[in-house]
N, C-alpha and C. Protein backbone atom coordinates (compact mmCIF):
# COMPACT_ATOMS: atom_id res chain seq x y z
N MET A 1 9.03 38.13 7.58
CA MET A 1 8.95 38.03 6.13
C MET A 1 10.34 37.84 5.52
N GLU A 2 11.37 38.34 6.21
CA GLU A 2 12.73 38.20 5.70
C GLU A 2 13.14 36.74 5.57
N ASP A 3 12.67 35.89 6.49
CA ASP A 3 12.97 34.46 6.39
C ASP A 3 12.42 33.87 5.10
N PHE A 4 11.21 34.27 4.74
CA PHE A 4 10.60 33.75 3.52
C PHE A 4 11.31 34.28 2.27
N VAL A 5 11.77 35.51 2.31
CA VAL A 5 12.55 36.06 1.20
C VAL A 5 13.82 35.22 1.03
N ARG A 6 14.51 34.93 2.13
CA ARG A 6 15.73 34.12 2.07
C ARG A 6 15.44 32.71 1.55
N MET A 7 14.32 32.13 1.98
CA MET A 7 13.96 30.78 1.51
C MET A 7 13.77 30.77 -0.01
N LEU A 8 13.09 31.77 -0.54
CA LEU A 8 12.89 31.85 -1.98
C LEU A 8 14.21 32.07 -2.70
N GLU A 9 14.98 33.02 -2.24
CA GLU A 9 16.25 33.33 -2.90
C GLU A 9 17.22 32.15 -2.86
N ALA A 10 17.21 31.39 -1.78
CA ALA A 10 18.10 30.23 -1.66
C ALA A 10 17.79 29.18 -2.72
N ARG A 11 16.57 29.16 -3.23
CA ARG A 11 16.18 28.20 -4.26
C ARG A 11 16.13 28.84 -5.65
N GLY A 12 16.64 30.08 -5.75
CA GLY A 12 16.69 30.75 -7.05
C GLY A 12 15.35 31.25 -7.53
N ILE A 13 14.47 31.59 -6.58
CA ILE A 13 13.13 32.08 -6.93
C ILE A 13 13.05 33.56 -6.58
N LYS A 14 12.62 34.36 -7.53
CA LYS A 14 12.46 35.80 -7.29
C LYS A 14 11.32 36.01 -6.28
N PRO A 15 11.59 36.72 -5.19
CA PRO A 15 10.57 36.91 -4.14
C PRO A 15 9.56 38.01 -4.46
N THR A 16 8.50 37.64 -5.19
CA THR A 16 7.43 38.59 -5.47
C THR A 16 6.44 38.59 -4.29
N ALA A 17 5.60 39.57 -4.24
CA ALA A 17 4.62 39.67 -3.14
C ALA A 17 3.72 38.44 -3.09
N ILE A 18 3.24 37.98 -4.23
CA ILE A 18 2.35 36.82 -4.26
C ILE A 18 3.08 35.55 -3.84
N ARG A 19 4.29 35.35 -4.32
CA ARG A 19 5.05 34.16 -3.93
C ARG A 19 5.32 34.15 -2.44
N LEU A 20 5.63 35.31 -1.89
CA LEU A 20 5.84 35.41 -0.45
C LEU A 20 4.55 35.09 0.31
N LEU A 21 3.44 35.56 -0.19
CA LEU A 21 2.15 35.29 0.45
C LEU A 21 1.83 33.80 0.43
N VAL A 22 2.02 33.16 -0.72
CA VAL A 22 1.75 31.72 -0.86
C VAL A 22 2.68 30.92 0.04
N LEU A 23 3.96 31.23 0.01
CA LEU A 23 4.93 30.50 0.84
C LEU A 23 4.62 30.68 2.32
N ARG A 24 4.38 31.90 2.74
CA ARG A 24 4.08 32.14 4.16
C ARG A 24 2.83 31.38 4.59
N SER A 25 1.82 31.38 3.76
CA SER A 25 0.58 30.68 4.07
C SER A 25 0.82 29.17 4.19
N MET A 26 1.63 28.61 3.29
CA MET A 26 1.94 27.18 3.34
C MET A 26 2.74 26.86 4.59
N ALA A 27 3.73 27.66 4.89
CA ALA A 27 4.62 27.40 6.03
C ALA A 27 3.88 27.54 7.36
N GLU A 28 3.00 28.50 7.46
CA GLU A 28 2.32 28.75 8.72
C GLU A 28 1.18 27.77 8.96
N ARG A 29 0.78 27.04 7.97
CA ARG A 29 -0.35 26.11 8.10
C ARG A 29 -0.01 24.94 9.01
N GLY A 30 1.25 24.50 9.02
CA GLY A 30 1.66 23.42 9.91
C GLY A 30 1.25 22.04 9.44
N GLN A 31 0.80 21.92 8.22
CA GLN A 31 0.42 20.64 7.63
C GLN A 31 0.52 20.78 6.12
N ALA A 32 0.48 19.67 5.43
CA ALA A 32 0.53 19.70 3.97
C ALA A 32 -0.75 20.33 3.43
N SER A 33 -0.63 21.04 2.31
CA SER A 33 -1.75 21.77 1.73
C SER A 33 -1.97 21.36 0.28
N SER A 34 -3.21 21.17 -0.09
CA SER A 34 -3.54 20.92 -1.49
C SER A 34 -3.72 22.28 -2.18
N LEU A 35 -3.79 22.25 -3.49
CA LEU A 35 -4.06 23.48 -4.23
C LEU A 35 -5.39 24.07 -3.79
N ALA A 36 -6.40 23.21 -3.61
CA ALA A 36 -7.71 23.69 -3.16
C ALA A 36 -7.64 24.35 -1.78
N ASP A 37 -6.82 23.76 -0.88
CA ASP A 37 -6.63 24.36 0.45
C ASP A 37 -6.08 25.77 0.32
N MET A 38 -5.08 25.92 -0.54
CA MET A 38 -4.45 27.23 -0.70
C MET A 38 -5.39 28.22 -1.37
N GLU A 39 -6.18 27.75 -2.33
CA GLU A 39 -7.15 28.64 -2.98
C GLU A 39 -8.17 29.15 -1.97
N GLU A 40 -8.57 28.27 -1.04
CA GLU A 40 -9.53 28.67 -0.01
C GLU A 40 -8.90 29.65 0.98
N ARG A 41 -7.67 29.38 1.38
CA ARG A 41 -6.97 30.26 2.32
C ARG A 41 -6.69 31.64 1.73
N LEU A 42 -6.35 31.65 0.45
CA LEU A 42 -5.97 32.89 -0.23
C LEU A 42 -7.05 33.24 -1.25
N ASP A 43 -8.28 33.38 -0.80
CA ASP A 43 -9.41 33.53 -1.71
C ASP A 43 -9.39 34.82 -2.52
N THR A 44 -8.55 35.78 -2.18
CA THR A 44 -8.47 37.01 -2.96
C THR A 44 -7.40 36.93 -4.06
N VAL A 45 -6.65 35.83 -4.09
CA VAL A 45 -5.59 35.66 -5.09
C VAL A 45 -6.11 34.75 -6.20
N ASP A 46 -5.79 35.11 -7.44
CA ASP A 46 -6.19 34.34 -8.60
C ASP A 46 -5.70 32.89 -8.48
N LYS A 47 -6.59 31.94 -8.77
CA LYS A 47 -6.27 30.51 -8.63
C LYS A 47 -5.09 30.10 -9.49
N SER A 48 -5.02 30.60 -10.71
CA SER A 48 -3.92 30.21 -11.59
C SER A 48 -2.59 30.76 -11.07
N THR A 49 -2.62 31.90 -10.40
CA THR A 49 -1.40 32.48 -9.82
C THR A 49 -0.90 31.60 -8.68
N ILE A 50 -1.80 31.12 -7.85
CA ILE A 50 -1.42 30.21 -6.76
C ILE A 50 -0.84 28.93 -7.34
N SER A 51 -1.51 28.39 -8.35
CA SER A 51 -1.04 27.16 -8.99
C SER A 51 0.35 27.32 -9.58
N ARG A 52 0.58 28.44 -10.26
CA ARG A 52 1.91 28.69 -10.85
C ARG A 52 2.98 28.82 -9.77
N ALA A 53 2.65 29.48 -8.67
CA ALA A 53 3.62 29.64 -7.58
C ALA A 53 3.98 28.27 -6.99
N ILE A 54 2.98 27.46 -6.72
CA ILE A 54 3.24 26.13 -6.14
C ILE A 54 4.03 25.27 -7.12
N SER A 55 3.70 25.33 -8.40
CA SER A 55 4.45 24.57 -9.42
C SER A 55 5.91 25.00 -9.46
N LEU A 56 6.14 26.30 -9.39
CA LEU A 56 7.52 26.80 -9.37
C LEU A 56 8.24 26.34 -8.11
N PHE A 57 7.58 26.44 -6.96
CA PHE A 57 8.18 25.98 -5.70
C PHE A 57 8.56 24.51 -5.79
N HIS A 58 7.69 23.71 -6.40
CA HIS A 58 7.95 22.27 -6.52
C HIS A 58 9.13 22.02 -7.47
N LYS A 59 9.14 22.72 -8.57
CA LYS A 59 10.24 22.57 -9.56
C LYS A 59 11.58 22.95 -8.94
N LYS A 60 11.59 23.98 -8.10
CA LYS A 60 12.83 24.48 -7.49
C LYS A 60 13.12 23.81 -6.14
N LEU A 61 12.35 22.76 -5.80
CA LEU A 61 12.57 21.95 -4.59
C LEU A 61 12.37 22.73 -3.29
N LEU A 62 11.51 23.72 -3.33
CA LEU A 62 11.15 24.46 -2.12
C LEU A 62 10.02 23.74 -1.38
N VAL A 63 9.19 23.02 -2.12
CA VAL A 63 8.14 22.19 -1.52
C VAL A 63 8.24 20.79 -2.11
N HIS A 64 7.75 19.81 -1.35
CA HIS A 64 7.66 18.46 -1.89
C HIS A 64 6.19 18.06 -1.96
N SER A 65 5.90 17.12 -2.84
CA SER A 65 4.52 16.69 -3.04
C SER A 65 4.26 15.37 -2.32
N ILE A 66 3.01 15.21 -1.92
CA ILE A 66 2.59 14.03 -1.18
C ILE A 66 1.29 13.52 -1.79
N ASP A 67 1.28 12.27 -2.21
CA ASP A 67 0.05 11.63 -2.65
C ASP A 67 -0.43 10.79 -1.48
N ASP A 68 -1.38 11.33 -0.71
CA ASP A 68 -1.84 10.65 0.50
C ASP A 68 -3.07 9.78 0.26
N GLY A 69 -3.44 9.60 -1.00
CA GLY A 69 -4.58 8.76 -1.33
C GLY A 69 -5.92 9.49 -1.26
N SER A 70 -5.90 10.77 -0.98
CA SER A 70 -7.15 11.54 -0.83
C SER A 70 -7.72 11.98 -2.18
N GLY A 71 -6.93 11.84 -3.23
CA GLY A 71 -7.36 12.31 -4.54
C GLY A 71 -6.79 13.67 -4.90
N SER A 72 -6.18 14.34 -3.94
CA SER A 72 -5.54 15.64 -4.17
C SER A 72 -4.09 15.57 -3.74
N ILE A 73 -3.20 16.00 -4.60
CA ILE A 73 -1.79 16.07 -4.23
C ILE A 73 -1.65 17.18 -3.20
N LYS A 74 -0.89 16.91 -2.15
CA LYS A 74 -0.63 17.91 -1.12
C LYS A 74 0.82 18.35 -1.24
N TYR A 75 1.11 19.53 -0.75
CA TYR A 75 2.45 20.10 -0.81
C TYR A 75 2.86 20.57 0.57
N SER A 76 4.13 20.39 0.87
CA SER A 76 4.66 20.83 2.16
C SER A 76 6.02 21.49 1.93
N VAL A 77 6.28 22.54 2.68
CA VAL A 77 7.54 23.28 2.55
C VAL A 77 8.70 22.40 3.02
N CYS A 78 9.74 22.34 2.22
CA CYS A 78 10.93 21.54 2.55
C CYS A 78 11.81 22.27 3.56
N ARG A 79 12.59 21.48 4.29
CA ARG A 79 13.62 22.06 5.15
C ARG A 79 14.68 22.71 4.25
N SER A 80 15.44 23.62 4.80
CA SER A 80 16.45 24.32 4.00
C SER A 80 17.54 23.39 3.48
N ASP A 81 17.79 22.28 4.18
CA ASP A 81 18.84 21.34 3.75
C ASP A 81 18.31 20.21 2.88
N CYS A 82 17.05 20.28 2.50
CA CYS A 82 16.43 19.22 1.69
C CYS A 82 16.66 19.48 0.21
N ASN A 83 17.02 18.43 -0.50
CA ASN A 83 17.16 18.50 -1.95
C ASN A 83 16.21 17.52 -2.63
N CYS A 84 15.26 17.00 -1.86
CA CYS A 84 14.26 16.05 -2.36
C CYS A 84 14.90 14.82 -2.99
N LEU A 85 16.05 14.42 -2.47
CA LEU A 85 16.69 13.19 -2.91
C LEU A 85 16.10 12.05 -2.08
N LEU A 86 16.33 10.82 -2.50
CA LEU A 86 15.77 9.68 -1.78
C LEU A 86 16.15 9.69 -0.31
N GLU A 87 17.38 10.10 0.00
CA GLU A 87 17.82 10.11 1.40
C GLU A 87 17.18 11.24 2.22
N ASP A 88 16.55 12.19 1.55
CA ASP A 88 15.85 13.28 2.24
C ASP A 88 14.40 12.93 2.57
N LEU A 89 13.90 11.84 2.02
CA LEU A 89 12.48 11.52 2.16
C LEU A 89 12.12 11.10 3.58
N HIS A 90 10.91 11.44 3.96
CA HIS A 90 10.42 11.10 5.29
C HIS A 90 8.99 10.57 5.17
N VAL A 91 8.51 10.02 6.26
CA VAL A 91 7.17 9.45 6.32
C VAL A 91 6.14 10.56 6.43
N HIS A 92 4.97 10.33 5.86
CA HIS A 92 3.84 11.25 5.98
C HIS A 92 2.71 10.52 6.70
N PHE A 93 1.88 11.27 7.40
CA PHE A 93 0.77 10.70 8.15
C PHE A 93 -0.51 11.39 7.72
N CYS A 94 -1.48 10.60 7.27
CA CYS A 94 -2.78 11.12 6.85
C CYS A 94 -3.81 10.74 7.90
N CYS A 95 -4.44 11.73 8.50
CA CYS A 95 -5.44 11.49 9.54
C CYS A 95 -6.78 11.15 8.89
N LEU A 96 -7.34 10.02 9.29
CA LEU A 96 -8.63 9.59 8.76
C LEU A 96 -9.78 10.37 9.37
N GLY A 97 -9.52 11.06 10.48
CA GLY A 97 -10.55 11.86 11.13
C GLY A 97 -10.69 13.23 10.50
N CYS A 98 -9.65 14.03 10.61
CA CYS A 98 -9.72 15.42 10.14
C CYS A 98 -9.23 15.59 8.70
N LYS A 99 -8.67 14.54 8.11
CA LYS A 99 -8.20 14.53 6.72
C LYS A 99 -6.94 15.38 6.51
N LYS A 100 -6.26 15.76 7.59
CA LYS A 100 -5.02 16.52 7.45
C LYS A 100 -3.87 15.56 7.19
N THR A 101 -2.86 16.03 6.46
CA THR A 101 -1.66 15.25 6.19
C THR A 101 -0.47 15.98 6.80
N PHE A 102 0.34 15.23 7.55
CA PHE A 102 1.47 15.79 8.28
C PHE A 102 2.78 15.17 7.82
N CYS A 103 3.83 15.97 7.77
CA CYS A 103 5.18 15.47 7.54
C CYS A 103 5.75 14.99 8.87
N LEU A 104 6.25 13.78 8.89
CA LEU A 104 6.92 13.25 10.08
C LEU A 104 8.41 13.19 9.76
N GLU A 105 9.03 14.37 9.76
CA GLU A 105 10.41 14.50 9.30
C GLU A 105 11.41 13.71 10.13
N SER A 106 11.06 13.38 11.36
CA SER A 106 11.98 12.60 12.20
C SER A 106 11.95 11.11 11.85
N LEU A 107 11.03 10.72 10.98
CA LEU A 107 10.92 9.31 10.57
C LEU A 107 11.34 9.17 9.10
N PRO A 108 12.56 8.71 8.84
CA PRO A 108 12.97 8.51 7.44
C PRO A 108 12.20 7.35 6.82
N VAL A 109 12.05 7.40 5.51
CA VAL A 109 11.43 6.31 4.79
C VAL A 109 12.33 5.09 4.93
N PRO A 110 11.75 3.94 5.31
CA PRO A 110 12.57 2.73 5.47
C PRO A 110 13.25 2.33 4.16
N SER A 111 14.45 1.81 4.28
CA SER A 111 15.19 1.35 3.11
C SER A 111 14.61 0.01 2.64
N VAL A 112 14.45 -0.11 1.34
CA VAL A 112 13.92 -1.32 0.75
C VAL A 112 14.93 -1.85 -0.26
N GLN A 113 15.26 -3.13 -0.15
CA GLN A 113 16.20 -3.75 -1.08
C GLN A 113 15.40 -4.29 -2.26
N LEU A 114 15.55 -3.67 -3.41
CA LEU A 114 14.83 -4.08 -4.61
C LEU A 114 15.57 -5.22 -5.31
N PRO A 115 14.84 -6.06 -6.03
CA PRO A 115 15.49 -7.11 -6.82
C PRO A 115 16.36 -6.50 -7.92
N GLY A 116 17.30 -7.27 -8.40
CA GLY A 116 18.20 -6.82 -9.46
C GLY A 116 17.45 -6.30 -10.67
N GLY A 117 17.95 -5.23 -11.26
CA GLY A 117 17.36 -4.65 -12.45
C GLY A 117 16.35 -3.55 -12.19
N PHE A 118 15.86 -3.46 -10.95
CA PHE A 118 14.91 -2.41 -10.60
C PHE A 118 15.67 -1.17 -10.15
N MET A 119 15.19 0.00 -10.57
CA MET A 119 15.84 1.25 -10.18
C MET A 119 14.81 2.16 -9.53
N LEU A 120 15.01 2.48 -8.27
CA LEU A 120 14.09 3.32 -7.51
C LEU A 120 14.27 4.79 -7.88
N GLU A 121 13.17 5.46 -8.19
CA GLU A 121 13.22 6.87 -8.54
C GLU A 121 12.41 7.74 -7.59
N SER A 122 11.40 7.19 -6.96
CA SER A 122 10.64 7.96 -5.98
C SER A 122 9.97 7.01 -5.00
N VAL A 123 9.60 7.56 -3.86
CA VAL A 123 8.96 6.79 -2.80
C VAL A 123 7.82 7.62 -2.25
N ASN A 124 6.70 6.97 -1.97
CA ASN A 124 5.57 7.63 -1.33
C ASN A 124 5.20 6.76 -0.13
N PHE A 125 5.57 7.18 1.06
CA PHE A 125 5.33 6.38 2.27
C PHE A 125 4.36 7.15 3.15
N VAL A 126 3.10 6.68 3.18
CA VAL A 126 2.05 7.36 3.92
C VAL A 126 1.45 6.40 4.94
N LEU A 127 1.44 6.81 6.19
CA LEU A 127 0.75 6.07 7.24
C LEU A 127 -0.61 6.71 7.43
N LYS A 128 -1.61 5.91 7.74
CA LYS A 128 -2.96 6.44 7.95
C LYS A 128 -3.46 6.02 9.32
N GLY A 129 -4.15 6.92 9.96
CA GLY A 129 -4.68 6.65 11.28
C GLY A 129 -5.33 7.91 11.82
N ARG A 130 -5.15 8.19 13.09
CA ARG A 130 -5.73 9.36 13.74
C ARG A 130 -4.62 10.22 14.32
N CYS A 131 -4.68 11.52 14.06
CA CYS A 131 -3.71 12.46 14.63
C CYS A 131 -3.99 12.59 16.13
N PRO A 132 -3.12 13.24 16.89
CA PRO A 132 -3.34 13.36 18.34
C PRO A 132 -4.69 13.98 18.71
N VAL A 133 -5.13 14.99 17.98
CA VAL A 133 -6.42 15.62 18.29
C VAL A 133 -7.57 14.65 18.04
N CYS A 134 -7.56 14.01 16.88
CA CYS A 134 -8.66 13.10 16.54
C CYS A 134 -8.63 11.83 17.40
N SER A 135 -7.46 11.34 17.73
CA SER A 135 -7.40 10.14 18.58
C SER A 135 -7.92 10.43 19.98
N ARG A 136 -7.69 11.65 20.49
CA ARG A 136 -8.24 12.02 21.80
C ARG A 136 -9.75 12.03 21.77
N SER A 137 -10.33 12.55 20.68
CA SER A 137 -11.80 12.61 20.62
C SER A 137 -12.39 11.21 20.48
N VAL A 138 -11.71 10.30 19.76
CA VAL A 138 -12.18 8.92 19.65
C VAL A 138 -12.13 8.25 21.01
N LEU A 139 -11.03 8.45 21.75
CA LEU A 139 -10.92 7.85 23.08
C LEU A 139 -11.94 8.42 24.05
N ALA A 140 -12.22 9.72 23.93
CA ALA A 140 -13.20 10.35 24.82
C ALA A 140 -14.61 9.85 24.54
N ASP A 141 -14.89 9.50 23.28
CA ASP A 141 -16.22 9.03 22.91
C ASP A 141 -16.44 7.55 23.15
N SER A 142 -15.36 6.79 23.40
CA SER A 142 -15.50 5.34 23.57
C SER A 142 -16.01 5.00 24.97
N PRO A 143 -16.86 3.98 25.05
CA PRO A 143 -17.39 3.59 26.37
C PRO A 143 -16.28 2.92 27.18
N ASP A 144 -16.31 3.10 28.46
CA ASP A 144 -15.30 2.50 29.35
C ASP A 144 -15.57 1.04 29.60
């Protein structure tokens, strides 16, 4: 729990019990989480409290948002050295089988040369396909 306290304090967020619970749940999930995912995981916590915590985390750059085309914004905990600048951005992968969204932090978003006069402010780079678990089940079900 001390790691989560340090993560909050490093971003200037007061470590309350609920914020620690939300952060720990997001970090331990191992994939991006929507607000609905978190409400389901933390069903004893008030929905508006979860929403406020995630909004604060996003504002303070503790989590980044992902629009994976599912209709729900997903959130993932940032690395400690991330400032959510363009050079910090990485590719995301949305599995068409299990509907999970993963951060692929080892894959930076490709650089794009924009025409003159255009100013880039954000990038959303999402690949879609099958995660390792779902691709194994597709291969196992396919006829030889």
